[in-house]
Every structure is written in structure tokens, then in C-alpha cells.
Amino acid sequence: ESLAREIRKRTKPMVIAANKMDKPVAQENYEEIT
């Protein structure tokens, strides 16, 4: 499982678009998660 995960990270890199950040609750979640 660890090997599959690492292959995935290297071959399908990913960025998180934290959408709806114009809402205060989203901004709170963003601070906590990041």
C-alpha cells in the first residue's frame, strides 16, 4: 500500500484548490487544515 501510494504521488501530482474561500467558514477550515 505504501509503495502504491508513493508511485501515485510521483506520477499523479496534485494541487488542492480550496474553493468557496470567499466564505468565512471556509477561511476557518483553511487555516486549520493547512
PDB file of all heavy atoms in Angstrom:
ATOM      1  N   GLU A   1       0.834  -1.209   0.000  1.00  0.00           N
ATOM      2  CA  GLU A   1       0.000   0.000   0.000  1.00  0.00           C
ATOM      3  C   GLU A   1       0.865   1.253   0.000  1.00  0.00           C
ATOM      4  O   GLU A   1       0.567   2.230  -0.698  1.00  0.00           O
ATOM      5  CB  GLU A   1      -0.926  -0.003   1.221  1.00  0.00           C
ATOM      6  CG  GLU A   1      -2.038  -1.029   1.145  1.00  0.00           C
ATOM      7  CD  GLU A   1      -2.962  -0.983   2.355  1.00  0.00           C
ATOM      8  OE1 GLU A   1      -2.917   0.034   3.092  1.00  0.00           O
ATOM      9  OE2 GLU A   1      -3.717  -1.947   2.554  1.00  0.00           O
ATOM     10  N   SER A   2       1.929   1.233   0.791  1.00  0.00           N
ATOM     11  CA  SER A   2       2.834   2.375   0.852  1.00  0.00           C
ATOM     12  C   SER A   2       3.512   2.609  -0.497  1.00  0.00           C
ATOM     13  O   SER A   2       3.649   3.761  -0.947  1.00  0.00           O
ATOM     14  CB  SER A   2       3.890   2.147   1.937  1.00  0.00           C
ATOM     15  OG  SER A   2       4.814   3.207   1.991  1.00  0.00           O
ATOM     16  N   LEU A   3       3.905   1.536  -1.165  1.00  0.00           N
ATOM     17  CA  LEU A   3       4.543   1.659  -2.466  1.00  0.00           C
ATOM     18  C   LEU A   3       3.571   2.208  -3.504  1.00  0.00           C
ATOM     19  O   LEU A   3       3.918   3.097  -4.292  1.00  0.00           O
ATOM     20  CB  LEU A   3       5.084   0.305  -2.907  1.00  0.00           C
ATOM     21  CG  LEU A   3       5.784   0.253  -4.277  1.00  0.00           C
ATOM     22  CD1 LEU A   3       6.953   1.229  -4.323  1.00  0.00           C
ATOM     23  CD2 LEU A   3       6.236  -1.164  -4.595  1.00  0.00           C
ATOM     24  N   ALA A   4       2.338   1.687  -3.506  1.00  0.00           N
ATOM     25  CA  ALA A   4       1.328   2.178  -4.448  1.00  0.00           C
ATOM     26  C   ALA A   4       1.075   3.664  -4.236  1.00  0.00           C
ATOM     27  O   ALA A   4       0.951   4.441  -5.192  1.00  0.00           O
ATOM     28  CB  ALA A   4       0.033   1.387  -4.278  1.00  0.00           C
ATOM     29  N   ARG A   5       1.017   4.072  -2.964  1.00  0.00           N
ATOM     30  CA  ARG A   5       0.768   5.480  -2.646  1.00  0.00           C
ATOM     31  C   ARG A   5       1.904   6.371  -3.149  1.00  0.00           C
ATOM     32  O   ARG A   5       1.676   7.439  -3.727  1.00  0.00           O
ATOM     33  CB  ARG A   5       0.590   5.654  -1.139  1.00  0.00           C
ATOM     34  CG  ARG A   5       0.218   7.065  -0.719  1.00  0.00           C
ATOM     35  CD  ARG A   5      -0.004   7.154   0.790  1.00  0.00           C
ATOM     36  NE  ARG A   5      -1.045   6.229   1.227  1.00  0.00           N
ATOM     37  CZ  ARG A   5      -0.818   5.135   1.945  1.00  0.00           C
ATOM     38  NH1 ARG A   5       0.420   4.842   2.347  1.00  0.00           N
ATOM     39  NH2 ARG A   5      -1.816   4.341   2.280  1.00  0.00           N
ATOM     40  N   GLU A   6       3.137   5.905  -2.965  1.00  0.00           N
ATOM     41  CA  GLU A   6       4.290   6.712  -3.383  1.00  0.00           C
ATOM     42  C   GLU A   6       4.368   6.800  -4.909  1.00  0.00           C
ATOM     43  O   GLU A   6       4.690   7.865  -5.462  1.00  0.00           O
ATOM     44  CB  GLU A   6       5.576   6.121  -2.816  1.00  0.00           C
ATOM     45  CG  GLU A   6       6.806   6.980  -3.061  1.00  0.00           C
ATOM     46  CD  GLU A   6       6.712   8.360  -2.442  1.00  0.00           C
ATOM     47  OE1 GLU A   6       5.973   8.529  -1.437  1.00  0.00           O
ATOM     48  OE2 GLU A   6       7.366   9.283  -2.965  1.00  0.00           O
ATOM     49  N   ILE A   7       4.061   5.729  -5.600  1.00  0.00           N
ATOM     50  CA  ILE A   7       4.036   5.768  -7.070  1.00  0.00           C
ATOM     51  C   ILE A   7       2.970   6.748  -7.532  1.00  0.00           C
ATOM     52  O   ILE A   7       3.186   7.542  -8.457  1.00  0.00           O
ATOM     53  CB  ILE A   7       3.776   4.363  -7.654  1.00  0.00           C
ATOM     54  CG1 ILE A   7       4.931   3.416  -7.308  1.00  0.00           C
ATOM     55  CG2 ILE A   7       3.594   4.433  -9.168  1.00  0.00           C
ATOM     56  CD1 ILE A   7       4.642   1.967  -7.625  1.00  0.00           C
ATOM     57  N   ARG A   8       1.823   6.722  -6.875  1.00  0.00           N
ATOM     58  CA  ARG A   8       0.748   7.656  -7.231  1.00  0.00           C
ATOM     59  C   ARG A   8       1.170   9.097  -7.024  1.00  0.00           C
ATOM     60  O   ARG A   8       0.937   9.968  -7.878  1.00  0.00           O
ATOM     61  CB  ARG A   8      -0.499   7.329  -6.404  1.00  0.00           C
ATOM     62  CG  ARG A   8      -1.748   8.109  -6.799  1.00  0.00           C
ATOM     63  CD  ARG A   8      -1.935   9.370  -5.975  1.00  0.00           C
ATOM     64  NE  ARG A   8      -2.036   9.080  -4.555  1.00  0.00           N
ATOM     65  CZ  ARG A   8      -2.004  10.025  -3.634  1.00  0.00           C
ATOM     66  NH1 ARG A   8      -1.845  11.291  -3.965  1.00  0.00           N
ATOM     67  NH2 ARG A   8      -2.092   9.707  -2.339  1.00  0.00           N
ATOM     68  N   LYS A   9       1.801   9.391  -5.907  1.00  0.00           N
ATOM     69  CA  LYS A   9       2.232  10.763  -5.627  1.00  0.00           C
ATOM     70  C   LYS A   9       3.205  11.267  -6.677  1.00  0.00           C
ATOM     71  O   LYS A   9       3.184  12.436  -7.057  1.00  0.00           O
ATOM     72  CB  LYS A   9       2.885  10.843  -4.246  1.00  0.00           C
ATOM     73  CG  LYS A   9       1.916  10.735  -3.074  1.00  0.00           C
ATOM     74  CD  LYS A   9       2.677  10.823  -1.756  1.00  0.00           C
ATOM     75  CE  LYS A   9       1.749  10.734  -0.558  1.00  0.00           C
ATOM     76  NZ  LYS A   9       2.505  10.778   0.727  1.00  0.00           N
ATOM     77  N   ARG A  10       4.066  10.365  -7.153  1.00  0.00           N
ATOM     78  CA  ARG A  10       5.099  10.783  -8.100  1.00  0.00           C
ATOM     79  C   ARG A  10       4.590  10.862  -9.527  1.00  0.00           C
ATOM     80  O   ARG A  10       5.152  11.607 -10.336  1.00  0.00           O
ATOM     81  CB  ARG A  10       6.296   9.822  -8.031  1.00  0.00           C
ATOM     82  CG  ARG A  10       7.003   9.831  -6.678  1.00  0.00           C
ATOM     83  CD  ARG A  10       8.315   9.101  -6.747  1.00  0.00           C
ATOM     84  NE  ARG A  10       8.955   8.993  -5.435  1.00  0.00           N
ATOM     85  CZ  ARG A  10      10.259   8.855  -5.262  1.00  0.00           C
ATOM     86  NH1 ARG A  10      11.072   8.822  -6.308  1.00  0.00           N
ATOM     87  NH2 ARG A  10      10.771   8.745  -4.044  1.00  0.00           N
ATOM     88  N   THR A  11       3.560  10.100  -9.857  1.00  0.00           N
ATOM     89  CA  THR A  11       3.083  10.074 -11.246  1.00  0.00           C
ATOM     90  C   THR A  11       1.775  10.834 -11.447  1.00  0.00           C
ATOM     91  O   THR A  11       1.413  11.116 -12.593  1.00  0.00           O
ATOM     92  CB  THR A  11       2.895   8.625 -11.728  1.00  0.00           C
ATOM     93  OG1 THR A  11       1.932   7.963 -10.898  1.00  0.00           O
ATOM     94  CG2 THR A  11       4.213   7.866 -11.688  1.00  0.00           C
ATOM     95  N   LYS A  12       1.068  11.136 -10.379  1.00  0.00           N
ATOM     96  CA  LYS A  12      -0.145  11.947 -10.479  1.00  0.00           C
ATOM     97  C   LYS A  12      -0.080  13.029  -9.406  1.00  0.00           C
ATOM     98  O   LYS A  12      -0.852  13.028  -8.440  1.00  0.00           O
ATOM     99  CB  LYS A  12      -1.401  11.087 -10.282  1.00  0.00           C
ATOM    100  CG  LYS A  12      -1.825  10.330 -11.524  1.00  0.00           C
ATOM    101  CD  LYS A  12      -2.485  11.251 -12.528  1.00  0.00           C
ATOM    102  CE  LYS A  12      -2.888  10.474 -13.790  1.00  0.00           C
ATOM    103  NZ  LYS A  12      -1.755  10.183 -14.681  1.00  0.00           N
ATOM    104  N   PRO A  13       0.860  13.980  -9.540  1.00  0.00           N
ATOM    105  CA  PRO A  13       0.951  15.058  -8.544  1.00  0.00           C
ATOM    106  C   PRO A  13      -0.345  15.851  -8.490  1.00  0.00           C
ATOM    107  O   PRO A  13      -1.099  15.918  -9.472  1.00  0.00           O
ATOM    108  CB  PRO A  13       2.116  15.909  -9.049  1.00  0.00           C
ATOM    109  CG  PRO A  13       2.271  15.561 -10.494  1.00  0.00           C
ATOM    110  CD  PRO A  13       1.834  14.141 -10.623  1.00  0.00           C
ATOM    111  N   MET A  14      -0.616  16.435  -7.330  1.00  0.00           N
ATOM    112  CA  MET A  14      -1.927  17.028  -7.086  1.00  0.00           C
ATOM    113  C   MET A  14      -1.813  18.351  -6.331  1.00  0.00           C
ATOM    114  O   MET A  14      -0.961  18.510  -5.464  1.00  0.00           O
ATOM    115  CB  MET A  14      -2.776  16.039  -6.262  1.00  0.00           C
ATOM    116  CG  MET A  14      -4.215  16.462  -6.044  1.00  0.00           C
ATOM    117  SD  MET A  14      -5.082  15.330  -4.892  1.00  0.00           S
ATOM    118  CE  MET A  14      -4.718  13.734  -5.621  1.00  0.00           C
ATOM    119  N   VAL A  15      -2.683  19.280  -6.701  1.00  0.00           N
ATOM    120  CA  VAL A  15      -2.838  20.556  -6.003  1.00  0.00           C
ATOM    121  C   VAL A  15      -4.280  20.635  -5.513  1.00  0.00           C
ATOM    122  O   VAL A  15      -5.207  20.212  -6.215  1.00  0.00           O
ATOM    123  CB  VAL A  15      -2.527  21.735  -6.943  1.00  0.00           C
ATOM    124  CG1 VAL A  15      -2.982  23.060  -6.354  1.00  0.00           C
ATOM    125  CG2 VAL A  15      -1.037  21.779  -7.256  1.00  0.00           C
ATOM    126  N   ILE A  16      -4.480  21.142  -4.312  1.00  0.00           N
ATOM    127  CA  ILE A  16      -5.825  21.325  -3.765  1.00  0.00           C
ATOM    128  C   ILE A  16      -6.278  22.761  -4.001  1.00  0.00           C
ATOM    129  O   ILE A  16      -5.658  23.716  -3.523  1.00  0.00           O
ATOM    130  CB  ILE A  16      -5.882  21.029  -2.253  1.00  0.00           C
ATOM    131  CG1 ILE A  16      -5.350  19.619  -1.956  1.00  0.00           C
ATOM    132  CG2 ILE A  16      -7.312  21.201  -1.730  1.00  0.00           C
ATOM    133  CD1 ILE A  16      -6.151  18.502  -2.572  1.00  0.00           C
ATOM    134  N   ALA A  17      -7.351  22.922  -4.776  1.00  0.00           N
ATOM    135  CA  ALA A  17      -7.977  24.233  -4.943  1.00  0.00           C
ATOM    136  C   ALA A  17      -9.045  24.362  -3.864  1.00  0.00           C
ATOM    137  O   ALA A  17     -10.109  23.733  -3.937  1.00  0.00           O
ATOM    138  CB  ALA A  17      -8.597  24.366  -6.326  1.00  0.00           C
ATOM    139  N   ALA A  18      -8.727  25.145  -2.838  1.00  0.00           N
ATOM    140  CA  ALA A  18      -9.650  25.318  -1.706  1.00  0.00           C
ATOM    141  C   ALA A  18     -10.733  26.305  -2.120  1.00  0.00           C
ATOM    142  O   ALA A  18     -10.604  27.513  -1.937  1.00  0.00           O
ATOM    143  CB  ALA A  18      -8.880  25.817  -0.483  1.00  0.00           C
ATOM    144  N   ASN A  19     -11.808  25.773  -2.701  1.00  0.00           N
ATOM    145  CA  ASN A  19     -12.835  26.617  -3.315  1.00  0.00           C
ATOM    146  C   ASN A  19     -13.819  27.184  -2.277  1.00  0.00           C
ATOM    147  O   ASN A  19     -13.916  26.687  -1.163  1.00  0.00           O
ATOM    148  CB  ASN A  19     -13.594  25.809  -4.370  1.00  0.00           C
ATOM    149  CG  ASN A  19     -14.350  26.692  -5.339  1.00  0.00           C
ATOM    150  OD1 ASN A  19     -13.956  27.833  -5.595  1.00  0.00           O
ATOM    151  ND2 ASN A  19     -15.443  26.176  -5.882  1.00  0.00           N
ATOM    152  N   LYS A  20     -14.509  28.219  -2.705  1.00  0.00           N
ATOM    153  CA  LYS A  20     -15.505  28.936  -1.887  1.00  0.00           C
ATOM    154  C   LYS A  20     -14.854  29.630  -0.693  1.00  0.00           C
ATOM    155  O   LYS A  20     -15.461  29.774   0.376  1.00  0.00           O
ATOM    156  CB  LYS A  20     -16.637  27.996  -1.443  1.00  0.00           C
ATOM    157  CG  LYS A  20     -17.319  27.279  -2.622  1.00  0.00           C
ATOM    158  CD  LYS A  20     -18.508  26.454  -2.191  1.00  0.00           C
ATOM    159  CE  LYS A  20     -19.102  25.702  -3.377  1.00  0.00           C
ATOM    160  NZ  LYS A  20     -20.270  24.879  -3.015  1.00  0.00           N
ATOM    161  N   MET A  21     -13.616  30.073  -0.904  1.00  0.00           N
ATOM    162  CA  MET A  21     -12.877  30.717   0.169  1.00  0.00           C
ATOM    163  C   MET A  21     -13.341  32.149   0.437  1.00  0.00           C
ATOM    164  O   MET A  21     -12.789  32.829   1.301  1.00  0.00           O
ATOM    165  CB  MET A  21     -11.386  30.707  -0.171  1.00  0.00           C
ATOM    166  CG  MET A  21     -10.711  29.381   0.146  1.00  0.00           C
ATOM    167  SD  MET A  21     -10.515  29.129   1.927  1.00  0.00           S
ATOM    168  CE  MET A  21      -9.285  30.377   2.275  1.00  0.00           C
ATOM    169  N   ASP A  22     -14.327  32.607  -0.302  1.00  0.00           N
ATOM    170  CA  ASP A  22     -14.905  33.915  -0.008  1.00  0.00           C
ATOM    171  C   ASP A  22     -15.901  33.829   1.152  1.00  0.00           C
ATOM    172  O   ASP A  22     -16.494  34.842   1.535  1.00  0.00           O
ATOM    173  CB  ASP A  22     -15.580  34.505  -1.245  1.00  0.00           C
ATOM    174  CG  ASP A  22     -16.452  33.498  -2.002  1.00  0.00           C
ATOM    175  OD1 ASP A  22     -16.365  32.293  -1.706  1.00  0.00           O
ATOM    176  OD2 ASP A  22     -17.202  33.926  -2.886  1.00  0.00           O
ATOM    177  N   LYS A  23     -16.051  32.622   1.723  1.00  0.00           N
ATOM    178  CA  LYS A  23     -16.948  32.445   2.868  1.00  0.00           C
ATOM    179  C   LYS A  23     -16.127  32.301   4.151  1.00  0.00           C
ATOM    180  O   LYS A  23     -15.129  31.561   4.173  1.00  0.00           O
ATOM    181  CB  LYS A  23     -17.830  31.209   2.670  1.00  0.00           C
ATOM    182  CG  LYS A  23     -18.727  31.298   1.433  1.00  0.00           C
ATOM    183  CD  LYS A  23     -19.638  30.092   1.308  1.00  0.00           C
ATOM    184  CE  LYS A  23     -20.553  30.233   0.093  1.00  0.00           C
ATOM    185  NZ  LYS A  23     -21.507  29.105  -0.011  1.00  0.00           N
ATOM    186  N   PRO A  24     -16.507  32.969   5.233  1.00  0.00           N
ATOM    187  CA  PRO A  24     -15.726  32.929   6.476  1.00  0.00           C
ATOM    188  C   PRO A  24     -15.472  31.517   6.999  1.00  0.00           C
ATOM    189  O   PRO A  24     -14.368  31.217   7.473  1.00  0.00           O
ATOM    190  CB  PRO A  24     -16.575  33.745   7.455  1.00  0.00           C
ATOM    191  CG  PRO A  24     -17.337  34.693   6.581  1.00  0.00           C
ATOM    192  CD  PRO A  24     -17.632  33.918   5.324  1.00  0.00           C
ATOM    193  N   VAL A  25     -16.475  30.637   6.912  1.00  0.00           N
ATOM    194  CA  VAL A  25     -16.283  29.281   7.431  1.00  0.00           C
ATOM    195  C   VAL A  25     -15.219  28.545   6.638  1.00  0.00           C
ATOM    196  O   VAL A  25     -14.448  27.737   7.185  1.00  0.00           O
ATOM    197  CB  VAL A  25     -17.624  28.494   7.422  1.00  0.00           C
ATOM    198  CG1 VAL A  25     -18.147  28.285   6.008  1.00  0.00           C
ATOM    199  CG2 VAL A  25     -17.465  27.158   8.135  1.00  0.00           C
ATOM    200  N   ALA A  26     -15.126  28.829   5.334  1.00  0.00           N
ATOM    201  CA  ALA A  26     -14.091  28.206   4.505  1.00  0.00           C
ATOM    202  C   ALA A  26     -12.710  28.693   4.931  1.00  0.00           C
ATOM    203  O   ALA A  26     -11.749  27.919   4.960  1.00  0.00           O
ATOM    204  CB  ALA A  26     -14.337  28.517   3.029  1.00  0.00           C
ATOM    205  N   GLN A  27     -12.616  29.960   5.265  1.00  0.00           N
ATOM    206  CA  GLN A  27     -11.334  30.514   5.699  1.00  0.00           C
ATOM    207  C   GLN A  27     -10.889  29.890   7.015  1.00  0.00           C
ATOM    208  O   GLN A  27      -9.693  29.614   7.222  1.00  0.00           O
ATOM    209  CB  GLN A  27     -11.456  32.029   5.811  1.00  0.00           C
ATOM    210  CG  GLN A  27     -11.734  32.704   4.464  1.00  0.00           C
ATOM    211  CD  GLN A  27     -12.145  34.158   4.591  1.00  0.00           C
ATOM    212  OE1 GLN A  27     -11.948  34.778   5.637  1.00  0.00           O
ATOM    213  NE2 GLN A  27     -12.714  34.718   3.525  1.00  0.00           N
ATOM    214  N   GLU A  28     -11.837  29.637   7.891  1.00  0.00           N
ATOM    215  CA  GLU A  28     -11.511  28.971   9.156  1.00  0.00           C
ATOM    216  C   GLU A  28     -11.004  27.548   8.899  1.00  0.00           C
ATOM    217  O   GLU A  28     -10.019  27.105   9.502  1.00  0.00           O
ATOM    218  CB  GLU A  28     -12.747  28.945  10.063  1.00  0.00           C
ATOM    219  CG  GLU A  28     -13.195  30.315  10.550  1.00  0.00           C
ATOM    220  CD  GLU A  28     -14.532  30.256  11.286  1.00  0.00           C
ATOM    221  OE1 GLU A  28     -14.987  29.121  11.583  1.00  0.00           O
ATOM    222  OE2 GLU A  28     -15.106  31.323  11.553  1.00  0.00           O
ATOM    223  N   ASN A  29     -11.705  26.837   8.023  1.00  0.00           N
ATOM    224  CA  ASN A  29     -11.283  25.478   7.687  1.00  0.00           C
ATOM    225  C   ASN A  29      -9.894  25.472   7.052  1.00  0.00           C
ATOM    226  O   ASN A  29      -9.068  24.590   7.320  1.00  0.00           O
ATOM    227  CB  ASN A  29     -12.289  24.824   6.736  1.00  0.00           C
ATOM    228  CG  ASN A  29     -13.577  24.421   7.433  1.00  0.00           C
ATOM    229  OD1 ASN A  29     -13.591  24.140   8.625  1.00  0.00           O
ATOM    230  ND2 ASN A  29     -14.673  24.392   6.687  1.00  0.00           N
ATOM    231  N   TYR A  30      -9.645  26.456   6.214  1.00  0.00           N
ATOM    232  CA  TYR A  30      -8.359  26.545   5.521  1.00  0.00           C
ATOM    233  C   TYR A  30      -7.215  26.700   6.509  1.00  0.00           C
ATOM    234  O   TYR A  30      -6.187  26.007   6.398  1.00  0.00           O
ATOM    235  CB  TYR A  30      -8.391  27.723   4.542  1.00  0.00           C
ATOM    236  CG  TYR A  30      -7.151  27.866   3.692  1.00  0.00           C
ATOM    237  CD1 TYR A  30      -7.026  27.162   2.493  1.00  0.00           C
ATOM    238  CD2 TYR A  30      -6.110  28.713   4.078  1.00  0.00           C
ATOM    239  CE1 TYR A  30      -5.892  27.300   1.711  1.00  0.00           C
ATOM    240  CE2 TYR A  30      -4.966  28.846   3.297  1.00  0.00           C
ATOM    241  CZ  TYR A  30      -4.867  28.146   2.116  1.00  0.00           C
ATOM    242  OH  TYR A  30      -3.743  28.279   1.338  1.00  0.00           O
ATOM    243  N   GLU A  31      -7.381  27.586   7.461  1.00  0.00           N
ATOM    244  CA  GLU A  31      -6.324  27.815   8.452  1.00  0.00           C
ATOM    245  C   GLU A  31      -6.030  26.547   9.241  1.00  0.00           C
ATOM    246  O   GLU A  31      -4.876  26.213   9.519  1.00  0.00           O
ATOM    247  CB  GLU A  31      -6.745  28.948   9.409  1.00  0.00           C
ATOM    248  CG  GLU A  31      -6.832  30.312   8.760  1.00  0.00           C
ATOM    249  CD  GLU A  31      -5.504  30.781   8.192  1.00  0.00           C
ATOM    250  OE1 GLU A  31      -4.459  30.505   8.819  1.00  0.00           O
ATOM    251  OE2 GLU A  31      -5.504  31.409   7.115  1.00  0.00           O
ATOM    252  N   GLU A  32      -7.093  25.815   9.575  1.00  0.00           N
ATOM    253  CA  GLU A  32      -6.928  24.599  10.370  1.00  0.00           C
ATOM    254  C   GLU A  32      -6.262  23.481   9.567  1.00  0.00           C
ATOM    255  O   GLU A  32      -5.345  22.811  10.051  1.00  0.00           O
ATOM    256  CB  GLU A  32      -8.298  24.138  10.881  1.00  0.00           C
ATOM    257  CG  GLU A  32      -8.234  22.927  11.796  1.00  0.00           C
ATOM    258  CD  GLU A  32      -9.606  22.526  12.330  1.00  0.00           C
ATOM    259  OE1 GLU A  32     -10.518  23.385  12.330  1.00  0.00           O
ATOM    260  OE2 GLU A  32      -9.757  21.360  12.728  1.00  0.00           O
ATOM    261  N   ILE A  33      -6.715  23.292   8.338  1.00  0.00           N
ATOM    262  CA  ILE A  33      -6.231  22.167   7.536  1.00  0.00           C
ATOM    263  C   ILE A  33      -4.799  22.388   7.058  1.00  0.00           C
ATOM    264  O   ILE A  33      -3.977  21.460   7.066  1.00  0.00           O
ATOM    265  CB  ILE A  33      -7.181  21.912   6.346  1.00  0.00           C
ATOM    266  CG1 ILE A  33      -8.546  21.427   6.876  1.00  0.00           C
ATOM    267  CG2 ILE A  33      -6.590  20.887   5.381  1.00  0.00           C
ATOM    268  CD1 ILE A  33      -9.629  21.370   5.830  1.00  0.00           C
ATOM    269  N   THR A  34      -4.478  23.604   6.642  1.00  0.00           N
ATOM    270  CA  THR A  34      -3.118  23.852   6.159  1.00  0.00           C
ATOM    271  C   THR A  34      -2.092  23.817   7.296  1.00  0.00           C
ATOM    272  O   THR A  34      -0.893  23.711   7.044  1.00  0.00           O
ATOM    273  CB  THR A  34      -3.028  25.201   5.425  1.00  0.00           C
ATOM    274  OG1 THR A  34      -3.528  26.254   6.268  1.00  0.00           O
ATOM    275  CG2 THR A  34      -3.838  25.164   4.137  1.00  0.00           C
TER     276      THR A  34
END
